[in-house]
Amino acid sequence: MSENLNSNNIENDDFNLNNEDCDYKELNTRLKKIKSTIALLEKIIFK
Protein backbone atom coordinates (compact mmCIF):
# COMPACT_ATOMS: atom_id res chain seq x y z
CA MET A 1 0.00 0.00 0.00
CA SER A 2 2.75 2.49 0.88
CA GLU A 3 4.48 1.74 -2.45
CA ASN A 4 1.32 2.84 -4.23
CA LEU A 5 1.21 6.06 -2.22
CA ASN A 6 4.86 6.77 -2.99
CA SER A 7 4.31 6.35 -6.71
CA ASN A 8 1.30 8.69 -6.54
CA ASN A 9 3.40 11.27 -4.71
CA ILE A 10 6.10 11.10 -7.37
CA GLU A 11 3.52 11.60 -10.11
CA ASN A 12 2.04 14.56 -8.21
CA ASP A 13 5.51 16.07 -7.79
CA ASP A 14 6.12 15.76 -11.53
CA PHE A 15 2.77 17.38 -12.22
CA ASN A 16 3.59 20.24 -9.84
CA LEU A 17 6.95 20.77 -11.56
CA ASN A 18 5.22 20.88 -14.94
CA ASN A 19 2.77 23.48 -13.60
CA GLU A 20 5.61 25.56 -12.18
CA ASP A 21 7.46 25.34 -15.50
CA CYS A 22 4.31 26.42 -17.34
CA ASP A 23 3.77 29.28 -14.88
CA TYR A 24 7.38 30.38 -15.37
CA LYS A 25 7.00 30.42 -19.15
CA GLU A 26 3.75 32.37 -18.90
CA LEU A 27 5.34 34.88 -16.54
CA ASN A 28 8.32 35.26 -18.85
CA THR A 29 6.01 35.91 -21.82
CA ARG A 30 4.04 38.52 -19.87
CA LEU A 31 7.26 40.25 -18.77
CA LYS A 32 8.44 40.44 -22.39
CA LYS A 33 5.14 42.05 -23.39
CA ILE A 34 5.45 44.55 -20.53
CA LYS A 35 9.02 45.32 -21.57
CA SER A 36 8.00 46.01 -25.16
CA THR A 37 5.07 48.18 -24.01
CA ILE A 38 7.40 50.23 -21.80
CA ALA A 39 9.86 50.64 -24.67
CA LEU A 40 7.06 51.85 -26.95
CA LEU A 41 5.81 54.29 -24.32
CA GLU A 42 9.33 55.65 -23.85
CA LYS A 43 9.61 56.29 -27.57
CA ILE A 44 6.29 58.14 -27.57
CA ILE A 45 7.09 60.22 -24.47
CA PHE A 46 10.63 61.19 -25.44
CA LYS A 47 9.94 62.19 -29.06
C-alpha atoms as a PDB file:
ATOM      1  CA  MET A   1       0.000   0.000   0.000  1.00  0.00           C
ATOM      2  CA  SER A   2       2.749   2.487   0.877  1.00  0.00           C
ATOM      3  CA  GLU A   3       4.483   1.742  -2.446  1.00  0.00           C
ATOM      4  CA  ASN A   4       1.323   2.843  -4.234  1.00  0.00           C
ATOM      5  CA  LEU A   5       1.205   6.059  -2.216  1.00  0.00           C
ATOM      6  CA  ASN A   6       4.857   6.767  -2.986  1.00  0.00           C
ATOM      7  CA  SER A   7       4.308   6.353  -6.709  1.00  0.00           C
ATOM      8  CA  ASN A   8       1.301   8.690  -6.540  1.00  0.00           C
ATOM      9  CA  ASN A   9       3.404  11.269  -4.706  1.00  0.00           C
ATOM     10  CA  ILE A  10       6.099  11.100  -7.371  1.00  0.00           C
ATOM     11  CA  GLU A  11       3.522  11.603 -10.109  1.00  0.00           C
ATOM     12  CA  ASN A  12       2.036  14.559  -8.213  1.00  0.00           C
ATOM     13  CA  ASP A  13       5.508  16.069  -7.788  1.00  0.00           C
ATOM     14  CA  ASP A  14       6.125  15.760 -11.530  1.00  0.00           C
ATOM     15  CA  PHE A  15       2.765  17.383 -12.217  1.00  0.00           C
ATOM     16  CA  ASN A  16       3.591  20.245  -9.845  1.00  0.00           C
ATOM     17  CA  LEU A  17       6.947  20.775 -11.556  1.00  0.00           C
ATOM     18  CA  ASN A  18       5.220  20.884 -14.940  1.00  0.00           C
ATOM     19  CA  ASN A  19       2.765  23.476 -13.601  1.00  0.00           C
ATOM     20  CA  GLU A  20       5.606  25.562 -12.183  1.00  0.00           C
ATOM     21  CA  ASP A  21       7.455  25.342 -15.497  1.00  0.00           C
ATOM     22  CA  CYS A  22       4.311  26.424 -17.339  1.00  0.00           C
ATOM     23  CA  ASP A  23       3.766  29.281 -14.880  1.00  0.00           C
ATOM     24  CA  TYR A  24       7.377  30.381 -15.366  1.00  0.00           C
ATOM     25  CA  LYS A  25       7.003  30.416 -19.149  1.00  0.00           C
ATOM     26  CA  GLU A  26       3.748  32.374 -18.904  1.00  0.00           C
ATOM     27  CA  LEU A  27       5.337  34.882 -16.541  1.00  0.00           C
ATOM     28  CA  ASN A  28       8.319  35.255 -18.855  1.00  0.00           C
ATOM     29  CA  THR A  29       6.011  35.914 -21.818  1.00  0.00           C
ATOM     30  CA  ARG A  30       4.043  38.518 -19.866  1.00  0.00           C
ATOM     31  CA  LEU A  31       7.262  40.247 -18.771  1.00  0.00           C
ATOM     32  CA  LYS A  32       8.444  40.443 -22.394  1.00  0.00           C
ATOM     33  CA  LYS A  33       5.136  42.055 -23.394  1.00  0.00           C
ATOM     34  CA  ILE A  34       5.447  44.554 -20.535  1.00  0.00           C
ATOM     35  CA  LYS A  35       9.023  45.325 -21.569  1.00  0.00           C
ATOM     36  CA  SER A  36       8.000  46.015 -25.163  1.00  0.00           C
ATOM     37  CA  THR A  37       5.073  48.182 -24.009  1.00  0.00           C
ATOM     38  CA  ILE A  38       7.396  50.233 -21.799  1.00  0.00           C
ATOM     39  CA  ALA A  39       9.865  50.645 -24.670  1.00  0.00           C
ATOM     40  CA  LEU A  40       7.056  51.845 -26.948  1.00  0.00           C
ATOM     41  CA  LEU A  41       5.812  54.291 -24.318  1.00  0.00           C
ATOM     42  CA  GLU A  42       9.333  55.647 -23.846  1.00  0.00           C
ATOM     43  CA  LYS A  43       9.613  56.287 -27.571  1.00  0.00           C
ATOM     44  CA  ILE A  44       6.291  58.139 -27.569  1.00  0.00           C
ATOM     45  CA  ILE A  45       7.087  60.217 -24.474  1.00  0.00           C
ATOM     46  CA  PHE A  46      10.632  61.192 -25.437  1.00  0.00           C
ATOM     47  CA  LYS A  47       9.936  62.189 -29.061  1.00  0.00           C
END
